[in-house]
Amino acid sequence: MPDNKKTANHLDPSASKEKRKVKFEVYGEEMVEKVVKLSGNSGRVYLPPDWVGCRVKIIRID
């Protein structure tokens, strides 16, 4: 009988607390770097008004 026990890191609760850096390569038109500000129970980042309606990707860097 084969051993079907999963040992992947994503199933280990202690592994999820580790901070691991990953590399993203993104192609786009413009970039802004800002600090997220507190807004009620969440965070907020203001972007340029001409970006309204555009698709954006947010990557946390620290």
PDB file of N, CA and C in Angstrom:
ATOM      1  N   MET A   1       0.850  -1.186   0.000  1.00  0.00           N
ATOM      2  CA  MET A   1       0.000   0.000   0.000  1.00  0.00           C
ATOM      3  C   MET A   1       0.894   1.248   0.000  1.00  0.00           C
ATOM      4  N   PRO A   2       0.753   2.156  -0.985  1.00  0.00           N
ATOM      5  CA  PRO A   2       1.617   3.348  -1.040  1.00  0.00           C
ATOM      6  C   PRO A   2       1.285   4.345   0.055  1.00  0.00           C
ATOM      7  N   ASP A   3       2.320   5.053   0.460  1.00  0.00           N
ATOM      8  CA  ASP A   3       2.134   6.085   1.490  1.00  0.00           C
ATOM      9  C   ASP A   3       1.652   7.366   0.819  1.00  0.00           C
ATOM     10  N   ASN A   4       0.400   7.762   1.046  1.00  0.00           N
ATOM     11  CA  ASN A   4      -0.196   8.942   0.420  1.00  0.00           C
ATOM     12  C   ASN A   4      -0.090  10.184   1.295  1.00  0.00           C
ATOM     13  N   LYS A   5       0.694  10.111   2.334  1.00  0.00           N
ATOM     14  CA  LYS A   5       0.833  11.244   3.245  1.00  0.00           C
ATOM     15  C   LYS A   5       1.524  12.399   2.539  1.00  0.00           C
ATOM     16  N   LYS A   6       0.922  13.586   2.557  1.00  0.00           N
ATOM     17  CA  LYS A   6       1.488  14.755   1.897  1.00  0.00           C
ATOM     18  C   LYS A   6       2.449  15.461   2.843  1.00  0.00           C
ATOM     19  N   THR A   7       3.609  15.814   2.318  1.00  0.00           N
ATOM     20  CA  THR A   7       4.622  16.486   3.138  1.00  0.00           C
ATOM     21  C   THR A   7       5.013  17.833   2.559  1.00  0.00           C
ATOM     22  N   ALA A   8       4.208  18.402   1.705  1.00  0.00           N
ATOM     23  CA  ALA A   8       4.525  19.690   1.077  1.00  0.00           C
ATOM     24  C   ALA A   8       4.565  20.789   2.128  1.00  0.00           C
ATOM     25  N   ASN A   9       5.441  21.794   1.909  1.00  0.00           N
ATOM     26  CA  ASN A   9       5.567  22.910   2.849  1.00  0.00           C
ATOM     27  C   ASN A   9       4.287  23.704   3.002  1.00  0.00           C
ATOM     28  N   HIS A  10       3.479  23.813   1.925  1.00  0.00           N
ATOM     29  CA  HIS A  10       2.268  24.626   2.027  1.00  0.00           C
ATOM     30  C   HIS A  10       1.237  23.998   2.958  1.00  0.00           C
ATOM     31  N   LEU A  11       1.433  22.750   3.370  1.00  0.00           N
ATOM     32  CA  LEU A  11       0.526  22.109   4.314  1.00  0.00           C
ATOM     33  C   LEU A  11       1.046  22.183   5.740  1.00  0.00           C
ATOM     34  N   ASP A  12       2.276  22.621   5.918  1.00  0.00           N
ATOM     35  CA  ASP A  12       2.899  22.714   7.229  1.00  0.00           C
ATOM     36  C   ASP A  12       2.618  24.092   7.819  1.00  0.00           C
ATOM     37  N   PRO A  13       1.856  24.165   8.918  1.00  0.00           N
ATOM     38  CA  PRO A  13       1.510  25.485   9.491  1.00  0.00           C
ATOM     39  C   PRO A  13       2.719  26.302   9.898  1.00  0.00           C
ATOM     40  N   SER A  14       3.801  25.678  10.340  1.00  0.00           N
ATOM     41  CA  SER A  14       4.975  26.448  10.755  1.00  0.00           C
ATOM     42  C   SER A  14       5.682  27.066   9.561  1.00  0.00           C
ATOM     43  N   ALA A  15       5.599  26.455   8.385  1.00  0.00           N
ATOM     44  CA  ALA A  15       6.251  26.992   7.191  1.00  0.00           C
ATOM     45  C   ALA A  15       5.551  28.238   6.681  1.00  0.00           C
ATOM     46  N   SER A  16       4.259  28.387   6.948  1.00  0.00           N
ATOM     47  CA  SER A  16       3.519  29.542   6.441  1.00  0.00           C
ATOM     48  C   SER A  16       3.914  30.831   7.151  1.00  0.00           C
ATOM     49  N   LYS A  17       4.536  30.731   8.325  1.00  0.00           N
ATOM     50  CA  LYS A  17       4.938  31.924   9.073  1.00  0.00           C
ATOM     51  C   LYS A  17       6.283  32.466   8.612  1.00  0.00           C
ATOM     52  N   GLU A  18       7.018  31.687   7.818  1.00  0.00           N
ATOM     53  CA  GLU A  18       8.304  32.152   7.304  1.00  0.00           C
ATOM     54  C   GLU A  18       8.098  33.246   6.277  1.00  0.00           C
ATOM     55  N   LYS A  19       9.022  34.208   6.249  1.00  0.00           N
ATOM     56  CA  LYS A  19       8.992  35.221   5.191  1.00  0.00           C
ATOM     57  C   LYS A  19       9.955  34.776   4.117  1.00  0.00           C
ATOM     58  N   ARG A  20       9.415  34.508   2.943  1.00  0.00           N
ATOM     59  CA  ARG A  20      10.247  34.113   1.817  1.00  0.00           C
ATOM     60  C   ARG A  20      10.143  35.156   0.737  1.00  0.00           C
ATOM     61  N   LYS A  21      11.262  35.570   0.202  1.00  0.00           N
ATOM     62  CA  LYS A  21      11.283  36.541  -0.895  1.00  0.00           C
ATOM     63  C   LYS A  21      11.150  35.784  -2.204  1.00  0.00           C
ATOM     64  N   VAL A  22      10.374  36.341  -3.117  1.00  0.00           N
ATOM     65  CA  VAL A  22      10.238  35.781  -4.449  1.00  0.00           C
ATOM     66  C   VAL A  22      10.505  36.889  -5.452  1.00  0.00           C
ATOM     67  N   LYS A  23      10.858  36.510  -6.658  1.00  0.00           N
ATOM     68  CA  LYS A  23      11.165  37.491  -7.690  1.00  0.00           C
ATOM     69  C   LYS A  23      10.008  37.552  -8.668  1.00  0.00           C
ATOM     70  N   PHE A  24       9.560  38.776  -8.980  1.00  0.00           N
ATOM     71  CA  PHE A  24       8.523  39.011  -9.971  1.00  0.00           C
ATOM     72  C   PHE A  24       9.131  39.802 -11.118  1.00  0.00           C
ATOM     73  N   GLU A  25       8.801  39.444 -12.315  1.00  0.00           N
ATOM     74  CA  GLU A  25       9.205  40.226 -13.479  1.00  0.00           C
ATOM     75  C   GLU A  25       7.915  40.699 -14.130  1.00  0.00           C
ATOM     76  N   VAL A  26       7.722  42.023 -14.136  1.00  0.00           N
ATOM     77  CA  VAL A  26       6.466  42.598 -14.608  1.00  0.00           C
ATOM     78  C   VAL A  26       6.776  43.622 -15.693  1.00  0.00           C
ATOM     79  N   TYR A  27       6.039  43.565 -16.765  1.00  0.00           N
ATOM     80  CA  TYR A  27       6.170  44.542 -17.841  1.00  0.00           C
ATOM     81  C   TYR A  27       4.974  45.473 -17.779  1.00  0.00           C
ATOM     82  N   GLY A  28       5.202  46.766 -17.909  1.00  0.00           N
ATOM     83  CA  GLY A  28       4.101  47.702 -17.832  1.00  0.00           C
ATOM     84  C   GLY A  28       4.456  49.042 -18.432  1.00  0.00           C
ATOM     85  N   GLU A  29       3.609  50.005 -18.169  1.00  0.00           N
ATOM     86  CA  GLU A  29       3.735  51.349 -18.724  1.00  0.00           C
ATOM     87  C   GLU A  29       4.382  52.325 -17.748  1.00  0.00           C
ATOM     88  N   GLU A  30       3.968  52.288 -16.495  1.00  0.00           N
ATOM     89  CA  GLU A  30       4.465  53.224 -15.485  1.00  0.00           C
ATOM     90  C   GLU A  30       4.563  52.517 -14.153  1.00  0.00           C
ATOM     91  N   MET A  31       5.330  53.116 -13.230  1.00  0.00           N
ATOM     92  CA  MET A  31       5.416  52.573 -11.887  1.00  0.00           C
ATOM     93  C   MET A  31       5.464  53.717 -10.894  1.00  0.00           C
ATOM     94  N   VAL A  32       4.787  53.562  -9.791  1.00  0.00           N
ATOM     95  CA  VAL A  32       4.920  54.489  -8.665  1.00  0.00           C
ATOM     96  C   VAL A  32       5.231  53.651  -7.436  1.00  0.00           C
ATOM     97  N   GLU A  33       5.977  54.206  -6.517  1.00  0.00           N
ATOM     98  CA  GLU A  33       6.272  53.520  -5.264  1.00  0.00           C
ATOM     99  C   GLU A  33       5.728  54.367  -4.139  1.00  0.00           C
ATOM    100  N   LYS A  34       4.850  53.789  -3.342  1.00  0.00           N
ATOM    101  CA  LYS A  34       4.194  54.526  -2.267  1.00  0.00           C
ATOM    102  C   LYS A  34       4.117  53.668  -1.017  1.00  0.00           C
ATOM    103  N   VAL A  35       3.805  54.302   0.102  1.00  0.00           N
ATOM    104  CA  VAL A  35       3.582  53.616   1.368  1.00  0.00           C
ATOM    105  C   VAL A  35       2.076  53.535   1.588  1.00  0.00           C
ATOM    106  N   VAL A  36       1.602  52.365   1.969  1.00  0.00           N
ATOM    107  CA  VAL A  36       0.170  52.174   2.236  1.00  0.00           C
ATOM    108  C   VAL A  36      -0.178  52.893   3.530  1.00  0.00           C
ATOM    109  N   LYS A  37      -1.261  53.667   3.511  1.00  0.00           N
ATOM    110  CA  LYS A  37      -1.729  54.413   4.680  1.00  0.00           C
ATOM    111  C   LYS A  37      -2.935  53.715   5.283  1.00  0.00           C
ATOM    112  N   LEU A  38      -3.099  53.847   6.584  1.00  0.00           N
ATOM    113  CA  LEU A  38      -4.236  53.265   7.286  1.00  0.00           C
ATOM    114  C   LEU A  38      -5.519  53.972   6.868  1.00  0.00           C
ATOM    115  N   SER A  39      -6.559  53.186   6.629  1.00  0.00           N
ATOM    116  CA  SER A  39      -7.860  53.726   6.248  1.00  0.00           C
ATOM    117  C   SER A  39      -8.934  52.837   6.850  1.00  0.00           C
ATOM    118  N   GLY A  40      -9.402  53.200   8.025  1.00  0.00           N
ATOM    119  CA  GLY A  40     -10.384  52.357   8.713  1.00  0.00           C
ATOM    120  C   GLY A  40      -9.747  51.043   9.133  1.00  0.00           C
ATOM    121  N   ASN A  41     -10.340  49.930   8.669  1.00  0.00           N
ATOM    122  CA  ASN A  41      -9.816  48.603   8.992  1.00  0.00           C
ATOM    123  C   ASN A  41      -8.947  48.034   7.875  1.00  0.00           C
ATOM    124  N   SER A  42      -8.528  48.865   6.943  1.00  0.00           N
ATOM    125  CA  SER A  42      -7.718  48.375   5.824  1.00  0.00           C
ATOM    126  C   SER A  42      -6.670  49.418   5.464  1.00  0.00           C
ATOM    127  N   GLY A  43      -5.993  49.197   4.356  1.00  0.00           N
ATOM    128  CA  GLY A  43      -4.984  50.132   3.886  1.00  0.00           C
ATOM    129  C   GLY A  43      -5.408  50.769   2.578  1.00  0.00           C
ATOM    130  N   ARG A  44      -4.781  51.897   2.263  1.00  0.00           N
ATOM    131  CA  ARG A  44      -5.156  52.628   1.049  1.00  0.00           C
ATOM    132  C   ARG A  44      -3.909  53.215   0.393  1.00  0.00           C
ATOM    133  N   VAL A  45      -3.889  53.162  -0.920  1.00  0.00           N
ATOM    134  CA  VAL A  45      -2.843  53.800  -1.716  1.00  0.00           C
ATOM    135  C   VAL A  45      -3.542  54.632  -2.772  1.00  0.00           C
ATOM    136  N   TYR A  46      -3.189  55.898  -2.868  1.00  0.00           N
ATOM    137  CA  TYR A  46      -3.761  56.770  -3.896  1.00  0.00           C
ATOM    138  C   TYR A  46      -2.903  56.686  -5.149  1.00  0.00           C
ATOM    139  N   LEU A  47      -3.556  56.535  -6.271  1.00  0.00           N
ATOM    140  CA  LEU A  47      -2.874  56.458  -7.563  1.00  0.00           C
ATOM    141  C   LEU A  47      -3.297  57.625  -8.434  1.00  0.00           C
ATOM    142  N   PRO A  48      -2.542  57.904  -9.485  1.00  0.00           N
ATOM    143  CA  PRO A  48      -2.886  59.032 -10.349  1.00  0.00           C
ATOM    144  C   PRO A  48      -4.282  58.867 -10.969  1.00  0.00           C
ATOM    145  N   PRO A  49      -5.013  59.964 -11.113  1.00  0.00           N
ATOM    146  CA  PRO A  49      -6.382  59.875 -11.643  1.00  0.00           C
ATOM    147  C   PRO A  49      -6.453  59.350 -13.080  1.00  0.00           C
ATOM    148  N   ASP A  50      -5.387  59.533 -13.847  1.00  0.00           N
ATOM    149  CA  ASP A  50      -5.426  59.003 -15.213  1.00  0.00           C
ATOM    150  C   ASP A  50      -5.266  57.480 -15.248  1.00  0.00           C
ATOM    151  N   TRP A  51      -5.010  56.852 -14.100  1.00  0.00           N
ATOM    152  CA  TRP A  51      -4.951  55.394 -14.013  1.00  0.00           C
ATOM    153  C   TRP A  51      -6.334  54.786 -13.784  1.00  0.00           C
ATOM    154  N   VAL A  52      -7.335  55.585 -13.519  1.00  0.00           N
ATOM    155  CA  VAL A  52      -8.685  55.070 -13.273  1.00  0.00           C
ATOM    156  C   VAL A  52      -9.144  54.283 -14.489  1.00  0.00           C
ATOM    157  N   GLY A  53      -9.640  53.085 -14.249  1.00  0.00           N
ATOM    158  CA  GLY A  53     -10.092  52.212 -15.318  1.00  0.00           C
ATOM    159  C   GLY A  53      -8.998  51.318 -15.883  1.00  0.00           C
ATOM    160  N   CYS A  54      -7.760  51.521 -15.463  1.00  0.00           N
ATOM    161  CA  CYS A  54      -6.643  50.698 -15.935  1.00  0.00           C
ATOM    162  C   CYS A  54      -6.443  49.514 -14.991  1.00  0.00           C
ATOM    163  N   ARG A  55      -5.853  48.453 -15.529  1.00  0.00           N
ATOM    164  CA  ARG A  55      -5.490  47.305 -14.704  1.00  0.00           C
ATOM    165  C   ARG A  55      -4.151  47.595 -14.044  1.00  0.00           C
ATOM    166  N   VAL A  56      -4.037  47.304 -12.747  1.00  0.00           N
ATOM    167  CA  VAL A  56      -2.788  47.500 -12.018  1.00  0.00           C
ATOM    168  C   VAL A  56      -2.460  46.226 -11.253  1.00  0.00           C
ATOM    169  N   LYS A  57      -1.194  46.083 -10.873  1.00  0.00           N
ATOM    170  CA  LYS A  57      -0.743  44.983 -10.032  1.00  0.00           C
ATOM    171  C   LYS A  57       0.008  45.589  -8.870  1.00  0.00           C
ATOM    172  N   ILE A  58      -0.301  45.151  -7.680  1.00  0.00           N
ATOM    173  CA  ILE A  58       0.337  45.663  -6.475  1.00  0.00           C
ATOM    174  C   ILE A  58       1.228  44.552  -5.912  1.00  0.00           C
ATOM    175  N   ILE A  59       2.501  44.850  -5.666  1.00  0.00           N
ATOM    176  CA  ILE A  59       3.439  43.893  -5.113  1.00  0.00           C
ATOM    177  C   ILE A  59       4.005  44.468  -3.826  1.00  0.00           C
ATOM    178  N   ARG A  60       3.829  43.741  -2.714  1.00  0.00           N
ATOM    179  CA  ARG A  60       4.399  44.188  -1.426  1.00  0.00           C
ATOM    180  C   ARG A  60       5.872  43.864  -1.447  1.00  0.00           C
ATOM    181  N   ILE A  61       6.710  44.880  -1.183  1.00  0.00           N
ATOM    182  CA  ILE A  61       8.155  44.684  -1.269  1.00  0.00           C
ATOM    183  C   ILE A  61       8.836  44.562   0.084  1.00  0.00           C
ATOM    184  N   ASP A  62       8.146  44.817   1.168  1.00  0.00           N
ATOM    185  CA  ASP A  62       8.747  44.577   2.492  1.00  0.00           C
ATOM    186  C   ASP A  62       7.685  44.224   3.501  1.00  0.00           C
TER     187      ASP A  62
END
